[in-house]
C-alpha atoms as a PDB file:
ATOM      1  CA  MET A   1      30.236 124.750  63.677  1.00  0.00           C
ATOM      2  CA  LYS A   2      31.857 126.228  60.127  1.00  0.00           C
ATOM      3  CA  TYR A   3      32.899 129.757  61.120  1.00  0.00           C
ATOM      4  CA  LEU A   4      33.890 132.144  58.721  1.00  0.00           C
ATOM      5  CA  ILE A   5      36.164 135.158  59.416  1.00  0.00           C
ATOM      6  CA  ASP A   6      36.558 137.769  57.249  1.00  0.00           C
ATOM      7  CA  LEU A   7      40.168 139.395  57.285  1.00  0.00           C
ATOM      8  CA  GLY A   8      41.146 142.763  55.293  1.00  0.00           C
ATOM      9  CA  MET A   9      39.362 142.233  52.081  1.00  0.00           C
ATOM     10  CA  LYS A  10      36.594 144.485  52.113  1.00  0.00           C
ATOM     11  CA  ASP A  11      38.427 146.274  49.088  1.00  0.00           C
ATOM     12  CA  VAL A  12      37.405 142.555  46.984  1.00  0.00           C
ATOM     13  CA  PRO A  13      34.170 143.757  44.817  1.00  0.00           C
ATOM     14  CA  LEU A  14      31.300 141.720  45.197  1.00  0.00           C
ATOM     15  CA  PHE A  15      32.702 139.841  48.968  1.00  0.00           C
ATOM     16  CA  PHE A  16      29.828 140.701  50.771  1.00  0.00           C
ATOM     17  CA  GLU A  17      27.720 139.076  47.954  1.00  0.00           C
ATOM     18  CA  MET A  18      30.010 136.313  48.190  1.00  0.00           C
ATOM     19  CA  LYS A  19      29.259 135.721  51.750  1.00  0.00           C
ATOM     20  CA  ARG A  20      25.077 135.722  51.160  1.00  0.00           C
ATOM     21  CA  LYS A  21      25.513 133.143  48.544  1.00  0.00           C
ATOM     22  CA  TYR A  22      28.004 131.073  49.647  1.00  0.00           C
ATOM     23  CA  TYR A  23      28.744 131.086  53.018  1.00  0.00           C
ATOM     24  CA  LYS A  24      25.631 132.834  54.929  1.00  0.00           C
ATOM     25  CA  ASP A  25      24.811 129.656  57.231  1.00  0.00           C
ATOM     26  CA  PHE A  26      28.939 130.471  58.939  1.00  0.00           C
ATOM     27  CA  LYS A  27      29.472 131.797  61.869  1.00  0.00           C
ATOM     28  CA  PRO A  28      31.828 135.259  61.751  1.00  0.00           C
ATOM     29  CA  LEU A  29      34.258 134.583  64.783  1.00  0.00           C
ATOM     30  CA  LYS A  30      36.181 138.119  64.883  1.00  0.00           C
ATOM     31  CA  VAL A  31      39.690 137.710  65.178  1.00  0.00           C
ATOM     32  CA  GLY A  32      40.540 141.598  65.378  1.00  0.00           C
ATOM     33  CA  ASP A  33      42.703 141.340  68.450  1.00  0.00           C
ATOM     34  CA  TYR A  34      44.886 138.811  66.546  1.00  0.00           C
ATOM     35  CA  ILE A  35      45.462 141.176  63.567  1.00  0.00           C
ATOM     36  CA  GLU A  36      46.699 143.963  65.563  1.00  0.00           C
ATOM     37  CA  SER A  37      49.478 141.493  67.317  1.00  0.00           C
ATOM     38  CA  ILE A  38      50.791 141.084  63.517  1.00  0.00           C
ATOM     39  CA  GLU A  39      53.810 143.464  62.565  1.00  0.00           C
ATOM     40  CA  ARG A  40      52.719 144.581  59.170  1.00  0.00           C
ATOM     41  CA  ALA A  41      55.577 145.609  57.033  1.00  0.00           C
ATOM     42  CA  ASP A  42      56.574 146.657  53.244  1.00  0.00           C
ATOM     43  CA  PRO A  43      55.754 144.612  51.330  1.00  0.00           C
ATOM     44  CA  PRO A  44      52.918 142.997  53.884  1.00  0.00           C
ATOM     45  CA  GLU A  45      53.696 139.668  53.176  1.00  0.00           C
ATOM     46  CA  GLN A  46      56.929 140.337  55.048  1.00  0.00           C
ATOM     47  CA  SER A  47      54.498 140.818  58.024  1.00  0.00           C
ATOM     48  CA  GLN A  48      54.736 138.707  61.036  1.00  0.00           C
ATOM     49  CA  LEU A  49      52.661 137.413  63.635  1.00  0.00           C
ATOM     50  CA  LYS A  50      54.149 138.043  66.944  1.00  0.00           C
ATOM     51  CA  VAL A  51      53.268 134.865  69.053  1.00  0.00           C
ATOM     52  CA  GLY A  52      53.103 135.282  72.587  1.00  0.00           C
ATOM     53  CA  ALA A  53      49.147 136.650  70.798  1.00  0.00           C
ATOM     54  CA  ILE A  54      48.499 132.957  70.520  1.00  0.00           C
ATOM     55  CA  GLU A  55      48.685 132.371  74.123  1.00  0.00           C
ATOM     56  CA  LYS A  56      46.809 135.474  74.757  1.00  0.00           C
ATOM     57  CA  LEU A  57      44.320 134.960  72.228  1.00  0.00           C
ATOM     58  CA  VAL A  58      43.243 131.105  73.066  1.00  0.00           C
ATOM     59  CA  THR A  59      42.097 132.311  76.558  1.00  0.00           C
ATOM     60  CA  LYS A  60      40.165 135.003  75.331  1.00  0.00           C
ATOM     61  CA  ILE A  61      37.959 132.311  72.623  1.00  0.00           C
ATOM     62  CA  ALA A  62      36.246 129.649  73.762  1.00  0.00           C
ATOM     63  CA  LEU A  63      35.159 126.690  71.411  1.00  0.00           C
ATOM     64  CA  GLU A  64      32.974 124.545  72.243  1.00  0.00           C
ATOM     65  CA  LYS A  65      33.754 120.977  73.446  1.00  0.00           C
ATOM     66  CA  ASN A  66      33.442 117.544  71.261  1.00  0.00           C
ATOM     67  CA  GLU A  67      32.000 119.625  68.155  1.00  0.00           C
ATOM     68  CA  ASN A  68      33.017 119.671  64.442  1.00  0.00           C
ATOM     69  CA  HIS A  69      34.801 122.696  63.409  1.00  0.00           C
ATOM     70  CA  ILE A  70      35.488 124.180  60.533  1.00  0.00           C
ATOM     71  CA  PHE A  71      36.878 127.583  59.756  1.00  0.00           C
ATOM     72  CA  LEU A  72      37.351 129.576  56.187  1.00  0.00           C
ATOM     73  CA  ILE A  73      40.050 132.342  56.292  1.00  0.00           C
ATOM     74  CA  ASN A  74      38.945 134.277  53.529  1.00  0.00           C
ATOM     75  CA  ASN A  75      42.101 135.924  52.884  1.00  0.00           C
ATOM     76  CA  ASN A  76      45.502 133.323  52.307  1.00  0.00           C
ATOM     77  CA  LEU A  77      47.583 136.608  53.095  1.00  0.00           C
ATOM     78  CA  CYS A  78      46.273 135.949  56.922  1.00  0.00           C
ATOM     79  CA  HIS A  79      47.549 131.834  56.495  1.00  0.00           C
ATOM     80  CA  GLU A  80      49.119 132.775  59.811  1.00  0.00           C
ATOM     81  CA  VAL A  81      45.717 132.722  61.519  1.00  0.00           C
ATOM     82  CA  SER A  82      45.648 129.171  60.982  1.00  0.00           C
ATOM     83  CA  ALA A  83      47.914 129.133  64.618  1.00  0.00           C
ATOM     84  CA  LEU A  84      45.145 129.946  66.443  1.00  0.00           C
ATOM     85  CA  THR A  85      42.317 127.808  65.118  1.00  0.00           C
ATOM     86  CA  SER A  86      44.693 124.825  65.442  1.00  0.00           C
ATOM     87  CA  ALA A  87      45.114 125.866  69.386  1.00  0.00           C
ATOM     88  CA  LEU A  88      41.416 126.610  69.805  1.00  0.00           C
ATOM     89  CA  SER A  89      40.158 122.794  68.053  1.00  0.00           C
ATOM     90  CA  PHE A  90      43.351 121.152  69.630  1.00  0.00           C
ATOM     91  CA  ILE A  91      41.792 122.853  73.106  1.00  0.00           C
ATOM     92  CA  ALA A  92      38.298 121.480  72.248  1.00  0.00           C
ATOM     93  CA  ASN A  93      38.769 117.858  70.697  1.00  0.00           C
ATOM     94  CA  GLY A  94      42.153 116.966  72.261  1.00  0.00           C
ATOM     95  CA  GLU A  95      42.924 114.585  73.891  1.00  0.00           C
ATOM     96  CA  GLU A  96      45.758 114.994  76.607  1.00  0.00           C
ATOM     97  CA  ASN A  97      49.562 114.023  75.896  1.00  0.00           C
ATOM     98  CA  ARG A  98      48.794 113.054  72.508  1.00  0.00           C
ATOM     99  CA  GLN A  99      51.146 114.528  69.865  1.00  0.00           C
ATOM    100  CA  LYS A 100      49.304 117.798  67.738  1.00  0.00           C
ATOM    101  CA  VAL A 101      49.542 116.892  64.284  1.00  0.00           C
ATOM    102  CA  ILE A 102      49.271 119.857  61.656  1.00  0.00           C
ATOM    103  CA  LEU A 103      49.179 119.167  58.385  1.00  0.00           C
ATOM    104  CA  ASN A 104      49.265 121.682  55.710  1.00  0.00           C
ATOM    105  CA  TYR A 105      48.176 121.691  52.139  1.00  0.00           C
ATOM    106  CA  ASP A 106      50.482 124.622  50.783  1.00  0.00           C
ATOM    107  CA  PHE A 107      52.634 125.721  48.299  1.00  0.00           C
ATOM    108  CA  HIS A 108      55.990 127.658  49.348  1.00  0.00           C
ATOM    109  CA  LEU A 109      58.921 127.830  48.533  1.00  0.00           C
ATOM    110  CA  ASP A 110      59.739 128.966  52.119  1.00  0.00           C
ATOM    111  CA  SER A 111      58.586 126.067  53.785  1.00  0.00           C
ATOM    112  CA  GLY A 112      61.754 124.929  54.949  1.00  0.00           C
ATOM    113  CA  ASP A 113      62.411 129.100  57.541  1.00  0.00           C
ATOM    114  CA  ALA A 114      62.757 127.251  60.859  1.00  0.00           C
ATOM    115  CA  THR A 115      62.913 131.186  62.153  1.00  0.00           C
ATOM    116  CA  ALA A 116      60.014 130.011  64.781  1.00  0.00           C
ATOM    117  CA  PRO A 117      59.728 129.789  67.714  1.00  0.00           C
ATOM    118  CA  THR A 118      60.499 133.775  67.807  1.00  0.00           C
ATOM    119  CA  THR A 119      58.162 135.070  64.812  1.00  0.00           C
ATOM    120  CA  VAL A 120      55.656 132.929  62.805  1.00  0.00           C
ATOM    121  CA  LYS A 121      55.241 133.880  59.429  1.00  0.00           C
ATOM    122  CA  PHE A 122      54.285 132.043  55.948  1.00  0.00           C
ATOM    123  CA  CYS A 123      54.270 128.674  55.943  1.00  0.00           C
ATOM    124  CA  ASN A 124      56.529 128.035  59.101  1.00  0.00           C
ATOM    125  CA  TRP A 125      53.341 129.483  61.093  1.00  0.00           C
ATOM    126  CA  GLY A 126      52.730 125.652  62.349  1.00  0.00           C
ATOM    127  CA  MET A 127      55.614 125.624  64.243  1.00  0.00           C
ATOM    128  CA  CYS A 128      54.020 127.075  66.637  1.00  0.00           C
ATOM    129  CA  VAL A 129      53.054 123.725  67.859  1.00  0.00           C
ATOM    130  CA  ASP A 130      56.822 123.131  70.204  1.00  0.00           C
ATOM    131  CA  LEU A 131      56.539 126.333  71.343  1.00  0.00           C
ATOM    132  CA  GLU A 132      56.191 126.200  75.106  1.00  0.00           C
ATOM    133  CA  SER A 133      53.245 128.466  75.947  1.00  0.00           C
ATOM    134  CA  TYR A 134      50.916 127.218  72.875  1.00  0.00           C
ATOM    135  CA  LYS A 135      51.278 123.263  74.426  1.00  0.00           C
ATOM    136  CA  LYS A 136      50.482 124.144  77.689  1.00  0.00           C
ATOM    137  CA  ASN A 137      47.362 125.733  76.267  1.00  0.00           C
ATOM    138  CA  ILE A 138      47.034 122.078  74.565  1.00  0.00           C
ATOM    139  CA  GLN A 139      47.289 119.846  77.426  1.00  0.00           C
ATOM    140  CA  SER A 140      50.327 118.180  75.611  1.00  0.00           C
ATOM    141  CA  SER A 141      53.562 117.787  77.130  1.00  0.00           C
ATOM    142  CA  LYS A 142      55.279 115.564  73.530  1.00  0.00           C
ATOM    143  CA  LYS A 143      56.400 117.939  71.042  1.00  0.00           C
ATOM    144  CA  GLY A 144      54.261 118.595  68.308  1.00  0.00           C
ATOM    145  CA  GLN A 145      55.056 117.612  64.429  1.00  0.00           C
ATOM    146  CA  TYR A 146      54.850 120.391  61.401  1.00  0.00           C
ATOM    147  CA  ILE A 147      53.792 118.927  57.763  1.00  0.00           C
ATOM    148  CA  THR A 148      53.385 120.828  55.006  1.00  0.00           C
ATOM    149  CA  THR A 149      53.685 120.144  50.564  1.00  0.00           C
ATOM    150  CA  GLY A 150      55.001 122.894  50.714  1.00  0.00           C
ATOM    151  CA  LYS A 151      57.424 123.294  47.036  1.00  0.00           C
ATOM    152  CA  ILE A 152      56.183 119.571  46.100  1.00  0.00           C
ATOM    153  CA  GLU A 153      55.436 119.436  42.279  1.00  0.00           C
ATOM    154  CA  LYS A 154      54.655 115.314  41.666  1.00  0.00           C
ATOM    155  CA  LYS A 155      51.549 113.644  42.495  1.00  0.00           C
ATOM    156  CA  GLU A 156      53.752 110.906  43.682  1.00  0.00           C
ATOM    157  CA  ALA A 157      55.286 113.142  46.450  1.00  0.00           C
ATOM    158  CA  LEU A 158      51.127 115.225  47.716  1.00  0.00           C
ATOM    159  CA  GLU A 159      50.494 111.288  48.533  1.00  0.00           C
ATOM    160  CA  ALA A 160      53.717 109.972  49.826  1.00  0.00           C
ATOM    161  CA  ILE A 161      52.790 112.939  52.387  1.00  0.00           C
ATOM    162  CA  THR A 162      48.973 111.894  52.714  1.00  0.00           C
ATOM    163  CA  ASN A 163      49.902 108.375  53.451  1.00  0.00           C
ATOM    164  CA  GLN A 164      51.981 109.222  56.348  1.00  0.00           C
ATOM    165  CA  PHE A 165      49.367 108.466  57.780  1.00  0.00           C
ATOM    166  CA  ALA A 166      47.868 105.392  56.500  1.00  0.00           C
ATOM    167  CA  LYS A 167      49.881 103.754  59.546  1.00  0.00           C
ATOM    168  CA  CYS A 168      49.335 105.260  61.917  1.00  0.00           C
ATOM    169  CA  GLU A 169      50.752 104.163  65.332  1.00  0.00           C
ATOM    170  CA  GLU A 170      50.906 106.362  68.366  1.00  0.00           C
ATOM    171  CA  PRO A 171      47.953 108.478  69.091  1.00  0.00           C
ATOM    172  CA  ILE A 172      47.458 111.823  67.801  1.00  0.00           C
ATOM    173  CA  ASP A 173      45.414 114.836  67.559  1.00  0.00           C
ATOM    174  CA  LEU A 174      44.931 115.968  63.928  1.00  0.00           C
ATOM    175  CA  TYR A 175      43.987 119.584  62.264  1.00  0.00           C
ATOM    176  CA  VAL A 176      44.564 120.200  58.847  1.00  0.00           C
ATOM    177  CA  THR A 177      44.864 123.034  56.649  1.00  0.00           C
ATOM    178  CA  ILE A 178      44.374 123.712  52.693  1.00  0.00           C
ATOM    179  CA  ASP A 179      45.397 127.661  51.508  1.00  0.00           C
ATOM    180  CA  THR A 180      43.720 127.265  48.203  1.00  0.00           C
ATOM    181  CA  ASP A 181      47.047 128.819  46.092  1.00  0.00           C
ATOM    182  CA  VAL A 182      48.116 125.338  46.428  1.00  0.00           C
ATOM    183  CA  TYR A 183      45.988 124.498  43.356  1.00  0.00           C
ATOM    184  CA  LYS A 184      45.241 125.827  39.938  1.00  0.00           C
ATOM    185  CA  LYS A 185      42.597 128.907  39.395  1.00  0.00           C
ATOM    186  CA  SER A 186      41.834 129.223  42.757  1.00  0.00           C
ATOM    187  CA  TYR A 187      42.291 133.488  42.178  1.00  0.00           C
ATOM    188  CA  THR A 188      44.110 134.239  44.650  1.00  0.00           C
ATOM    189  CA  SER A 189      46.770 137.079  45.180  1.00  0.00           C
ATOM    190  CA  TYR A 190      49.329 134.472  45.698  1.00  0.00           C
ATOM    191  CA  GLY A 191      48.606 132.867  42.056  1.00  0.00           C
ATOM    192  CA  ASP A 192      48.579 129.379  41.478  1.00  0.00           C
ATOM    193  CA  GLY A 193      50.127 125.926  42.735  1.00  0.00           C
ATOM    194  CA  ASN A 194      51.155 122.731  40.774  1.00  0.00           C
ATOM    195  CA  PHE A 195      47.682 121.059  41.453  1.00  0.00           C
ATOM    196  CA  GLU A 196      44.208 120.385  40.272  1.00  0.00           C
ATOM    197  CA  HIS A 197      41.632 121.176  43.038  1.00  0.00           C
ATOM    198  CA  SER A 198      40.653 117.101  42.518  1.00  0.00           C
ATOM    199  CA  ASP A 199      44.577 116.086  43.473  1.00  0.00           C
ATOM    200  CA  ILE A 200      43.665 118.210  46.779  1.00  0.00           C
ATOM    201  CA  LEU A 201      40.209 116.548  47.261  1.00  0.00           C
ATOM    202  CA  MET A 202      40.845 113.177  46.338  1.00  0.00           C
ATOM    203  CA  GLN A 203      44.399 114.073  49.156  1.00  0.00           C
ATOM    204  CA  LEU A 204      41.159 114.328  52.188  1.00  0.00           C
ATOM    205  CA  GLU A 205      39.064 111.933  50.162  1.00  0.00           C
ATOM    206  CA  LYS A 206      42.511 109.102  51.087  1.00  0.00           C
ATOM    207  CA  LEU A 207      42.847 110.922  54.789  1.00  0.00           C
ATOM    208  CA  LYS A 208      39.748 110.002  55.661  1.00  0.00           C
ATOM    209  CA  LYS A 209      40.283 107.423  54.705  1.00  0.00           C
ATOM    210  CA  HIS A 210      43.330 107.238  56.956  1.00  0.00           C
ATOM    211  CA  ILE A 211      41.267 108.306  59.997  1.00  0.00           C
ATOM    212  CA  GLU A 212      38.611 105.385  59.950  1.00  0.00           C
ATOM    213  CA  ASN A 213      40.874 102.785  59.585  1.00  0.00           C
ATOM    214  CA  SER A 214      43.310 104.035  62.329  1.00  0.00           C
ATOM    215  CA  LYS A 215      40.928 103.049  65.388  1.00  0.00           C
ATOM    216  CA  GLY A 216      41.464 105.716  66.870  1.00  0.00           C
ATOM    217  CA  ASN A 217      44.630 106.976  66.401  1.00  0.00           C
ATOM    218  CA  ILE A 218      43.907 109.343  64.898  1.00  0.00           C
ATOM    219  CA  ASN A 219      41.740 111.933  66.622  1.00  0.00           C
ATOM    220  CA  PHE A 220      41.205 114.960  63.897  1.00  0.00           C
ATOM    221  CA  CYS A 221      40.353 117.478  65.909  1.00  0.00           C
ATOM    222  CA  GLY A 222      39.559 120.591  63.434  1.00  0.00           C
ATOM    223  CA  GLY A 223      40.371 122.397  60.276  1.00  0.00           C
ATOM    224  CA  ASP A 224      40.513 124.917  57.868  1.00  0.00           C
ATOM    225  CA  VAL A 225      40.189 127.013  54.228  1.00  0.00           C
ATOM    226  CA  THR A 226      42.205 129.763  53.325  1.00  0.00           C
ATOM    227  CA  GLY A 227      42.172 131.992  50.633  1.00  0.00           C
ATOM    228  CA  CYS A 228      38.941 132.513  48.593  1.00  0.00           C
ATOM    229  CA  ILE A 229      38.758 134.707  45.386  1.00  0.00           C
ATOM    230  CA  ASP A 230      40.496 138.357  45.329  1.00  0.00           C
ATOM    231  CA  TYR A 231      39.664 140.465  41.756  1.00  0.00           C
ATOM    232  CA  ASN A 232      41.175 143.379  42.958  1.00  0.00           C
ATOM    233  CA  LYS A 233      45.045 141.270  43.526  1.00  0.00           C
ATOM    234  CA  SER A 234      44.984 137.516  41.628  1.00  0.00           C
ATOM    235  CA  TYR A 235      45.891 137.344  37.714  1.00  0.00           C
ATOM    236  CA  ASN A 236      46.636 135.388  34.865  1.00  0.00           C
ATOM    237  CA  ILE A 237      49.943 135.920  32.773  1.00  0.00           C
ATOM    238  CA  LYS A 238      49.054 136.299  28.770  1.00  0.00           C
ATOM    239  CA  ASP A 239      52.030 136.609  26.787  1.00  0.00           C
ATOM    240  CA  GLY A 240      54.336 137.129  29.574  1.00  0.00           C
ATOM    241  CA  LYS A 241      52.813 140.022  31.140  1.00  0.00           C
ATOM    242  CA  ARG A 242      50.514 139.859  34.110  1.00  0.00           C
ATOM    243  CA  GLU A 243      46.500 140.734  34.083  1.00  0.00           C
ATOM    244  CA  TYR A 244      44.550 141.056  36.846  1.00  0.00           C
ATOM    245  CA  LEU A 245      41.171 140.145  37.188  1.00  0.00           C
ATOM    246  CA  SER A 246      39.303 143.237  37.742  1.00  0.00           C
ATOM    247  CA  LYS A 247      39.547 144.045  34.374  1.00  0.00           C
ATOM    248  CA  GLU A 248      38.241 140.893  33.990  1.00  0.00           C
ATOM    249  CA  PRO A 249      34.177 141.566  32.308  1.00  0.00           C
ATOM    250  CA  LYS A 250      31.263 140.756  35.134  1.00  0.00           C
ATOM    251  CA  GLU A 251      30.463 138.168  33.483  1.00  0.00           C
ATOM    252  CA  THR A 252      33.349 136.548  33.664  1.00  0.00           C
ATOM    253  CA  ARG A 253      34.492 137.140  37.228  1.00  0.00           C
ATOM    254  CA  ASP A 254      30.789 136.105  38.128  1.00  0.00           C
ATOM    255  CA  ALA A 255      32.138 132.655  36.288  1.00  0.00           C
ATOM    256  CA  MET A 256      35.846 132.846  38.473  1.00  0.00           C
ATOM    257  CA  SER A 257      33.502 133.350  41.274  1.00  0.00           C
ATOM    258  CA  ASP A 258      30.898 130.237  40.830  1.00  0.00           C
ATOM    259  CA  ASP A 259      34.060 128.428  40.579  1.00  0.00           C
ATOM    260  CA  ALA A 260      36.826 128.999  43.040  1.00  0.00           C
ATOM    261  CA  ASN A 261      33.753 128.809  45.961  1.00  0.00           C
ATOM    262  CA  ASN A 262      31.946 125.931  44.723  1.00  0.00           C
ATOM    263  CA  LYS A 263      35.686 124.565  45.033  1.00  0.00           C
ATOM    264  CA  ILE A 264      36.402 126.232  48.632  1.00  0.00           C
ATOM    265  CA  LEU A 265      32.589 124.676  49.839  1.00  0.00           C
ATOM    266  CA  LYS A 266      33.685 121.049  48.632  1.00  0.00           C
ATOM    267  CA  LEU A 267      37.101 121.036  50.388  1.00  0.00           C
ATOM    268  CA  LEU A 268      35.429 122.300  53.614  1.00  0.00           C
ATOM    269  CA  ASP A 269      32.299 120.009  53.822  1.00  0.00           C
ATOM    270  CA  CYS A 270      35.547 117.371  52.988  1.00  0.00           C
ATOM    271  CA  LEU A 271      36.939 118.748  56.145  1.00  0.00           C
ATOM    272  CA  TYR A 272      33.534 118.936  58.007  1.00  0.00           C
ATOM    273  CA  SER A 273      32.886 115.111  57.598  1.00  0.00           C
ATOM    274  CA  MET A 274      36.298 114.293  58.690  1.00  0.00           C
ATOM    275  CA  ARG A 275      35.233 114.566  62.718  1.00  0.00           C
ATOM    276  CA  THR A 276      32.571 111.839  63.933  1.00  0.00           C
ATOM    277  CA  VAL A 277      31.149 113.242  67.402  1.00  0.00           C
END
């Protein structure tokens, strides 16, 4: 099943048209309680998640067991929602007493910020796999692992992260998330990352091969893509100044939307193909 989680994008021009055009077959997943659990701050990107909300919500939302579960989270200001979707995926498709691993293709300068477990913010939300309450819900006594691309700039380093899964001797349950700001021309509120979209897609294809070659040691439980095009907040830098995409002609914005959404669909399709039920 492919799910659409619509968070805080109502002010974006043409977003509902985007949903009809690209994501009409996606099932809406409402997580309003989750959003209410976020401590709003100024600026909003400093908001933090109350960790206890994860434990509450996994008891309220149930996904079908042994099915593909792939999510599109449309606002990359809310990537922390992946803490919930990963938990739901581990519960639905995970196996007892396997290590739970979250792999996050993202660009964040705070990837080494170890403020969990009291808060989950920015790139470190995946650290919640180590919380006792979280582990209890996902049936694992083993310490979870959170791997993020973070600040890396070179393709060799990106490949090294993916290749950690080339030889997986211990059985693991795996969740994969991609924040679109990791690659160029994603048109989100965070600007561009260091890589091309094709670089990330190539890593997913390699990861898929590693899963196939693991002989069952890597159990892919689910994944998501976070961050749709946001005309009002995304921008290009020209002559040292920000130029917001909302100022571009409609024809230009439509072309950007086609490009950005088709890139997202390719990532989602690749994730969806990783799990063979």
